[in-house]
Amino acid sequence: ATHGASKDHQMVVGLITRCLQIVLGLPVGWLSDIVGVGWMMTISAGLTMISGLPLWCVVASHPANLLATSLAFGLGFGLLGTLTGSILFHFIVEMFPTEVRNTSIGLAYNVGFAIFGGLAPFEATLLYKAHWTGPGFLYMFAGFAGLISMLLCRHLQKSGTLQIPYIREAPYFGVVGPAAKVAEKMSAPLDGEEEAEAKMSV
């Protein structure tokens, strides 16, 4: 006996996910400009932590049920992927100063995807063999790690210990505490000497 969805079934669920990402991509990007891309990543990490395990349990319990997998995987995981994937590069590019931006993004993105993304199927398989809910806990842990990281960054920025965004202070995380001085400096008009240096650096 086979366990899981048929190829046609998988195609339908995958199509639902991609359509959702296409339809919601621009609205999610617009929303990140309103509330801040930092907050959007924090929200998506929190939602992943909360819903990752329940969504996986639905998929694993009813893998051949088109309605269940379409709702849990197609819409559920599709929405989580849209919230994160639509603004990921926007989030990363503002984290580094221009002098090291290309190298930093390339290193952070590729190493992260190679180690965590590349090993995720292997880890999920091992966890599934231990218990069928294992991959759900992997989703939950990924969301938890992301949420803690974002909250830590928020705390360090608020205390003035670490500068997170290098392009614009607001609305990345919003202007708070000592970070307001950074925002004021970034938004202040350039004097003659600074304007000349800016033009030379372009």
C-alpha atoms as a PDB file:
ATOM      1  CA  ALA A   1       0.000   0.000   0.000  1.00  0.00           C
ATOM      2  CA  THR A   2       1.163   3.505  -0.769  1.00  0.00           C
ATOM      3  CA  HIS A   3       1.128   6.357   1.700  1.00  0.00           C
ATOM      4  CA  GLY A   4       0.825   9.939   0.625  1.00  0.00           C
ATOM      5  CA  ALA A   5      -0.637  12.065  -2.126  1.00  0.00           C
ATOM      6  CA  SER A   6      -0.725  11.205  -5.809  1.00  0.00           C
ATOM      7  CA  LYS A   7       1.237  13.224  -8.367  1.00  0.00           C
ATOM      8  CA  ASP A   8      -1.911  15.039  -9.505  1.00  0.00           C
ATOM      9  CA  HIS A   9      -2.786  15.746  -5.898  1.00  0.00           C
ATOM     10  CA  GLN A  10       0.686  17.200  -5.253  1.00  0.00           C
ATOM     11  CA  MET A  11       0.393  19.326  -8.388  1.00  0.00           C
ATOM     12  CA  VAL A  12      -2.889  20.867  -7.206  1.00  0.00           C
ATOM     13  CA  VAL A  13      -1.518  21.650  -3.738  1.00  0.00           C
ATOM     14  CA  GLY A  14       1.663  23.118  -5.202  1.00  0.00           C
ATOM     15  CA  LEU A  15      -0.370  25.244  -7.599  1.00  0.00           C
ATOM     16  CA  ILE A  16      -2.432  26.623  -4.723  1.00  0.00           C
ATOM     17  CA  THR A  17       0.752  27.564  -2.881  1.00  0.00           C
ATOM     18  CA  ARG A  18       2.298  29.330  -5.881  1.00  0.00           C
ATOM     19  CA  CYS A  19      -0.901  31.194  -6.731  1.00  0.00           C
ATOM     20  CA  LEU A  20      -1.139  32.389  -3.144  1.00  0.00           C
ATOM     21  CA  GLN A  21       2.434  33.664  -3.261  1.00  0.00           C
ATOM     22  CA  ILE A  22       1.782  35.480  -6.546  1.00  0.00           C
ATOM     23  CA  VAL A  23      -1.435  37.102  -5.345  1.00  0.00           C
ATOM     24  CA  LEU A  24      -0.147  38.130  -1.907  1.00  0.00           C
ATOM     25  CA  GLY A  25       3.424  39.030  -2.856  1.00  0.00           C
ATOM     26  CA  LEU A  26       2.759  42.717  -3.565  1.00  0.00           C
ATOM     27  CA  PRO A  27       0.344  43.268  -0.633  1.00  0.00           C
ATOM     28  CA  VAL A  28       2.873  41.735   1.770  1.00  0.00           C
ATOM     29  CA  GLY A  29       5.596  44.001   0.370  1.00  0.00           C
ATOM     30  CA  TRP A  30       3.305  47.019   0.761  1.00  0.00           C
ATOM     31  CA  LEU A  31       2.499  46.015   4.330  1.00  0.00           C
ATOM     32  CA  SER A  32       6.192  45.710   5.163  1.00  0.00           C
ATOM     33  CA  ASP A  33       6.635  49.338   4.067  1.00  0.00           C
ATOM     34  CA  ILE A  34       3.846  50.346   6.438  1.00  0.00           C
ATOM     35  CA  VAL A  35       4.740  48.449   9.616  1.00  0.00           C
ATOM     36  CA  GLY A  36       8.399  47.731   8.863  1.00  0.00           C
ATOM     37  CA  VAL A  37      10.142  44.744   7.314  1.00  0.00           C
ATOM     38  CA  GLY A  38      11.716  43.888  10.669  1.00  0.00           C
ATOM     39  CA  TRP A  39       8.303  43.589  12.283  1.00  0.00           C
ATOM     40  CA  MET A  40       6.999  41.529   9.360  1.00  0.00           C
ATOM     41  CA  MET A  41       9.828  39.021   9.760  1.00  0.00           C
ATOM     42  CA  THR A  42       9.127  38.882  13.498  1.00  0.00           C
ATOM     43  CA  ILE A  43       5.441  38.212  12.875  1.00  0.00           C
ATOM     44  CA  SER A  44       6.133  35.515  10.265  1.00  0.00           C
ATOM     45  CA  ALA A  45       8.595  33.779  12.610  1.00  0.00           C
ATOM     46  CA  GLY A  46       6.030  33.821  15.409  1.00  0.00           C
ATOM     47  CA  LEU A  47       3.307  32.430  13.147  1.00  0.00           C
ATOM     48  CA  THR A  48       5.657  29.668  11.983  1.00  0.00           C
ATOM     49  CA  MET A  49       6.433  28.726  15.578  1.00  0.00           C
ATOM     50  CA  ILE A  50       2.738  28.600  16.494  1.00  0.00           C
ATOM     51  CA  SER A  51       1.265  26.963  13.408  1.00  0.00           C
ATOM     52  CA  GLY A  52       4.105  24.790  12.077  1.00  0.00           C
ATOM     53  CA  LEU A  53       3.304  21.730  14.192  1.00  0.00           C
ATOM     54  CA  PRO A  54      -0.523  21.817  13.817  1.00  0.00           C
ATOM     55  CA  LEU A  55      -0.306  22.299  10.051  1.00  0.00           C
ATOM     56  CA  TRP A  56       2.130  19.408   9.717  1.00  0.00           C
ATOM     57  CA  CYS A  57      -0.076  17.160  11.845  1.00  0.00           C
ATOM     58  CA  VAL A  58      -2.986  17.794   9.473  1.00  0.00           C
ATOM     59  CA  VAL A  59      -0.868  16.990   6.403  1.00  0.00           C
ATOM     60  CA  ALA A  60       0.695  13.884   7.969  1.00  0.00           C
ATOM     61  CA  SER A  61      -2.634  12.602   9.297  1.00  0.00           C
ATOM     62  CA  HIS A  62      -4.513  13.029   5.997  1.00  0.00           C
ATOM     63  CA  PRO A  63      -1.901  12.923   3.221  1.00  0.00           C
ATOM     64  CA  ALA A  64      -4.335  11.581   0.620  1.00  0.00           C
ATOM     65  CA  ASN A  65      -7.145  14.015   1.485  1.00  0.00           C
ATOM     66  CA  LEU A  66      -7.103  16.790  -1.102  1.00  0.00           C
ATOM     67  CA  LEU A  67      -9.110  19.247   0.994  1.00  0.00           C
ATOM     68  CA  ALA A  68      -7.007  18.756   4.131  1.00  0.00           C
ATOM     69  CA  THR A  69      -3.659  19.077   2.371  1.00  0.00           C
ATOM     70  CA  SER A  70      -4.870  21.992   0.250  1.00  0.00           C
ATOM     71  CA  LEU A  71      -5.894  23.921   3.361  1.00  0.00           C
ATOM     72  CA  ALA A  72      -2.951  22.947   5.580  1.00  0.00           C
ATOM     73  CA  PHE A  73      -0.116  22.836   3.068  1.00  0.00           C
ATOM     74  CA  GLY A  74      -1.410  24.894   0.156  1.00  0.00           C
ATOM     75  CA  LEU A  75      -2.921  27.743   2.163  1.00  0.00           C
ATOM     76  CA  GLY A  76      -1.241  27.345   5.567  1.00  0.00           C
ATOM     77  CA  PHE A  77       2.377  26.794   4.617  1.00  0.00           C
ATOM     78  CA  GLY A  78       1.817  28.853   1.475  1.00  0.00           C
ATOM     79  CA  LEU A  79       0.885  31.869   3.588  1.00  0.00           C
ATOM     80  CA  LEU A  80       3.898  31.373   5.868  1.00  0.00           C
ATOM     81  CA  GLY A  81       6.151  31.124   2.822  1.00  0.00           C
ATOM     82  CA  THR A  82       4.634  34.261   1.333  1.00  0.00           C
ATOM     83  CA  LEU A  83       5.112  36.301   4.496  1.00  0.00           C
ATOM     84  CA  THR A  84       8.772  35.354   4.670  1.00  0.00           C
ATOM     85  CA  GLY A  85       9.785  34.846   1.050  1.00  0.00           C
ATOM     86  CA  SER A  86       8.238  38.052  -0.305  1.00  0.00           C
ATOM     87  CA  ILE A  87      10.363  40.298   1.924  1.00  0.00           C
ATOM     88  CA  LEU A  88      13.418  38.152   2.674  1.00  0.00           C
ATOM     89  CA  PHE A  89      15.841  39.994   0.402  1.00  0.00           C
ATOM     90  CA  HIS A  90      14.395  43.345   1.405  1.00  0.00           C
ATOM     91  CA  PHE A  91      15.070  42.357   5.002  1.00  0.00           C
ATOM     92  CA  ILE A  92      18.631  41.175   4.352  1.00  0.00           C
ATOM     93  CA  VAL A  93      19.812  44.031   2.144  1.00  0.00           C
ATOM     94  CA  GLU A  94      19.154  46.677   4.807  1.00  0.00           C
ATOM     95  CA  MET A  95      21.190  44.839   7.453  1.00  0.00           C
ATOM     96  CA  PHE A  96      24.644  45.638   6.057  1.00  0.00           C
ATOM     97  CA  PRO A  97      26.520  48.842   5.193  1.00  0.00           C
ATOM     98  CA  THR A  98      27.255  49.396   1.515  1.00  0.00           C
ATOM     99  CA  GLU A  99      30.978  48.678   1.911  1.00  0.00           C
ATOM    100  CA  VAL A 100      30.390  44.996   2.695  1.00  0.00           C
ATOM    101  CA  ARG A 101      26.787  44.500   1.554  1.00  0.00           C
ATOM    102  CA  ASN A 102      27.375  42.202  -1.428  1.00  0.00           C
ATOM    103  CA  THR A 103      29.831  39.945   0.415  1.00  0.00           C
ATOM    104  CA  SER A 104      27.769  39.859   3.591  1.00  0.00           C
ATOM    105  CA  ILE A 105      24.506  39.022   1.836  1.00  0.00           C
ATOM    106  CA  GLY A 106      26.143  36.334  -0.285  1.00  0.00           C
ATOM    107  CA  LEU A 107      27.823  34.745   2.727  1.00  0.00           C
ATOM    108  CA  ALA A 108      24.816  34.913   5.056  1.00  0.00           C
ATOM    109  CA  TYR A 109      22.294  33.746   2.462  1.00  0.00           C
ATOM    110  CA  ASN A 110      24.266  30.908   0.913  1.00  0.00           C
ATOM    111  CA  VAL A 111      25.745  29.524   4.123  1.00  0.00           C
ATOM    112  CA  GLY A 112      22.360  29.689   5.812  1.00  0.00           C
ATOM    113  CA  PHE A 113      20.563  27.941   2.978  1.00  0.00           C
ATOM    114  CA  ALA A 114      23.312  25.364   2.514  1.00  0.00           C
ATOM    115  CA  ILE A 115      23.444  24.340   6.171  1.00  0.00           C
ATOM    116  CA  PHE A 116      19.872  24.799   7.348  1.00  0.00           C
ATOM    117  CA  GLY A 117      17.884  24.611   4.118  1.00  0.00           C
ATOM    118  CA  GLY A 118      20.075  21.925   2.589  1.00  0.00           C
ATOM    119  CA  LEU A 119      19.953  19.661   5.631  1.00  0.00           C
ATOM    120  CA  ALA A 120      16.255  20.241   6.363  1.00  0.00           C
ATOM    121  CA  PRO A 121      14.973  17.264   4.292  1.00  0.00           C
ATOM    122  CA  PHE A 122      17.535  14.979   5.935  1.00  0.00           C
ATOM    123  CA  GLU A 123      16.632  16.230   9.416  1.00  0.00           C
ATOM    124  CA  ALA A 124      12.898  15.973   8.683  1.00  0.00           C
ATOM    125  CA  THR A 125      13.303  12.370   7.514  1.00  0.00           C
ATOM    126  CA  LEU A 126      15.205  11.396  10.649  1.00  0.00           C
ATOM    127  CA  LEU A 127      12.632  13.078  12.864  1.00  0.00           C
ATOM    128  CA  TYR A 128       9.763  11.446  10.976  1.00  0.00           C
ATOM    129  CA  LYS A 129      11.293   8.011  11.507  1.00  0.00           C
ATOM    130  CA  ALA A 130      11.500   8.757  15.226  1.00  0.00           C
ATOM    131  CA  HIS A 131       7.890   9.997  15.324  1.00  0.00           C
ATOM    132  CA  TRP A 132       5.459  11.146  12.661  1.00  0.00           C
ATOM    133  CA  THR A 133       5.126  14.584  14.288  1.00  0.00           C
ATOM    134  CA  GLY A 134       8.894  15.175  14.111  1.00  0.00           C
ATOM    135  CA  PRO A 135       8.954  17.442  11.028  1.00  0.00           C
ATOM    136  CA  GLY A 136       6.302  19.614  12.660  1.00  0.00           C
ATOM    137  CA  PHE A 137       8.602  20.219  15.607  1.00  0.00           C
ATOM    138  CA  LEU A 138      11.337  21.142  13.125  1.00  0.00           C
ATOM    139  CA  TYR A 139       9.038  23.813  11.673  1.00  0.00           C
ATOM    140  CA  MET A 140       8.214  25.009  15.183  1.00  0.00           C
ATOM    141  CA  PHE A 141      11.885  25.190  16.180  1.00  0.00           C
ATOM    142  CA  ALA A 142      12.755  27.157  13.034  1.00  0.00           C
ATOM    143  CA  GLY A 143      10.058  29.700  13.859  1.00  0.00           C
ATOM    144  CA  PHE A 144      11.206  29.868  17.487  1.00  0.00           C
ATOM    145  CA  ALA A 145      14.836  30.473  16.462  1.00  0.00           C
ATOM    146  CA  GLY A 146      13.769  33.204  14.060  1.00  0.00           C
ATOM    147  CA  LEU A 147      11.528  34.861  16.625  1.00  0.00           C
ATOM    148  CA  ILE A 148      14.214  34.893  19.318  1.00  0.00           C
ATOM    149  CA  SER A 149      16.741  36.293  16.838  1.00  0.00           C
ATOM    150  CA  MET A 150      14.409  39.096  15.772  1.00  0.00           C
ATOM    151  CA  LEU A 151      13.482  40.019  19.342  1.00  0.00           C
ATOM    152  CA  LEU A 152      17.163  40.044  20.297  1.00  0.00           C
ATOM    153  CA  CYS A 153      17.959  42.330  17.375  1.00  0.00           C
ATOM    154  CA  ARG A 154      15.092  44.580  18.395  1.00  0.00           C
ATOM    155  CA  HIS A 155      16.412  44.761  21.964  1.00  0.00           C
ATOM    156  CA  LEU A 156      19.985  45.506  20.858  1.00  0.00           C
ATOM    157  CA  GLN A 157      18.805  48.244  18.524  1.00  0.00           C
ATOM    158  CA  LYS A 158      16.533  49.774  21.142  1.00  0.00           C
ATOM    159  CA  SER A 159      19.381  49.895  23.665  1.00  0.00           C
ATOM    160  CA  GLY A 160      21.724  51.442  21.108  1.00  0.00           C
ATOM    161  CA  THR A 161      24.126  48.466  21.315  1.00  0.00           C
ATOM    162  CA  LEU A 162      23.739  47.423  17.692  1.00  0.00           C
ATOM    163  CA  GLN A 163      22.658  49.179  14.517  1.00  0.00           C
ATOM    164  CA  ILE A 164      20.461  46.822  12.500  1.00  0.00           C
ATOM    165  CA  PRO A 165      19.264  48.750   9.426  1.00  0.00           C
ATOM    166  CA  TYR A 166      21.833  50.670   7.390  1.00  0.00           C
ATOM    167  CA  ILE A 167      19.518  52.121   4.742  1.00  0.00           C
ATOM    168  CA  ARG A 168      16.631  53.579   6.724  1.00  0.00           C
ATOM    169  CA  GLU A 169      15.753  53.519  10.382  1.00  0.00           C
ATOM    170  CA  ALA A 170      11.991  53.784   9.912  1.00  0.00           C
ATOM    171  CA  PRO A 171       9.988  51.731   9.341  1.00  0.00           C
ATOM    172  CA  TYR A 172      12.438  48.800   9.654  1.00  0.00           C
ATOM    173  CA  PHE A 173      11.707  48.385  13.351  1.00  0.00           C
ATOM    174  CA  GLY A 174      10.439  51.864  14.025  1.00  0.00           C
ATOM    175  CA  VAL A 175      12.295  54.704  15.691  1.00  0.00           C
ATOM    176  CA  VAL A 176      12.823  54.009  19.392  1.00  0.00           C
ATOM    177  CA  GLY A 177      15.244  55.024  22.116  1.00  0.00           C
ATOM    178  CA  PRO A 178      18.849  55.787  21.085  1.00  0.00           C
ATOM    179  CA  ALA A 179      18.020  54.601  17.579  1.00  0.00           C
ATOM    180  CA  ALA A 180      16.070  57.841  17.096  1.00  0.00           C
ATOM    181  CA  LYS A 181      19.388  59.733  17.011  1.00  0.00           C
ATOM    182  CA  VAL A 182      20.559  57.485  14.185  1.00  0.00           C
ATOM    183  CA  ALA A 183      17.328  58.142  12.281  1.00  0.00           C
ATOM    184  CA  GLU A 184      17.652  61.893  12.832  1.00  0.00           C
ATOM    185  CA  LYS A 185      21.193  61.858  11.511  1.00  0.00           C
ATOM    186  CA  MET A 186      20.202  59.755   8.496  1.00  0.00           C
ATOM    187  CA  SER A 187      17.290  62.039   7.622  1.00  0.00           C
ATOM    188  CA  ALA A 188      19.122  65.336   8.191  1.00  0.00           C
ATOM    189  CA  PRO A 189      19.996  67.351   5.042  1.00  0.00           C
ATOM    190  CA  LEU A 190      23.589  67.088   3.888  1.00  0.00           C
ATOM    191  CA  ASP A 191      25.912  70.065   4.070  1.00  0.00           C
ATOM    192  CA  GLY A 192      28.075  71.056   1.095  1.00  0.00           C
ATOM    193  CA  GLU A 193      31.019  68.806   1.934  1.00  0.00           C
ATOM    194  CA  GLU A 194      28.868  65.768   2.734  1.00  0.00           C
ATOM    195  CA  GLU A 195      26.834  66.255  -0.450  1.00  0.00           C
ATOM    196  CA  ALA A 196      30.016  66.317  -2.538  1.00  0.00           C
ATOM    197  CA  GLU A 197      31.249  63.110  -0.884  1.00  0.00           C
ATOM    198  CA  ALA A 198      27.892  61.448  -1.500  1.00  0.00           C
ATOM    199  CA  LYS A 199      28.009  62.338  -5.190  1.00  0.00           C
ATOM    200  CA  MET A 200      31.554  60.989  -5.512  1.00  0.00           C
ATOM    201  CA  SER A 201      30.508  57.674  -3.909  1.00  0.00           C
ATOM    202  CA  VAL A 202      27.634  57.092  -6.342  1.00  0.00           C
END
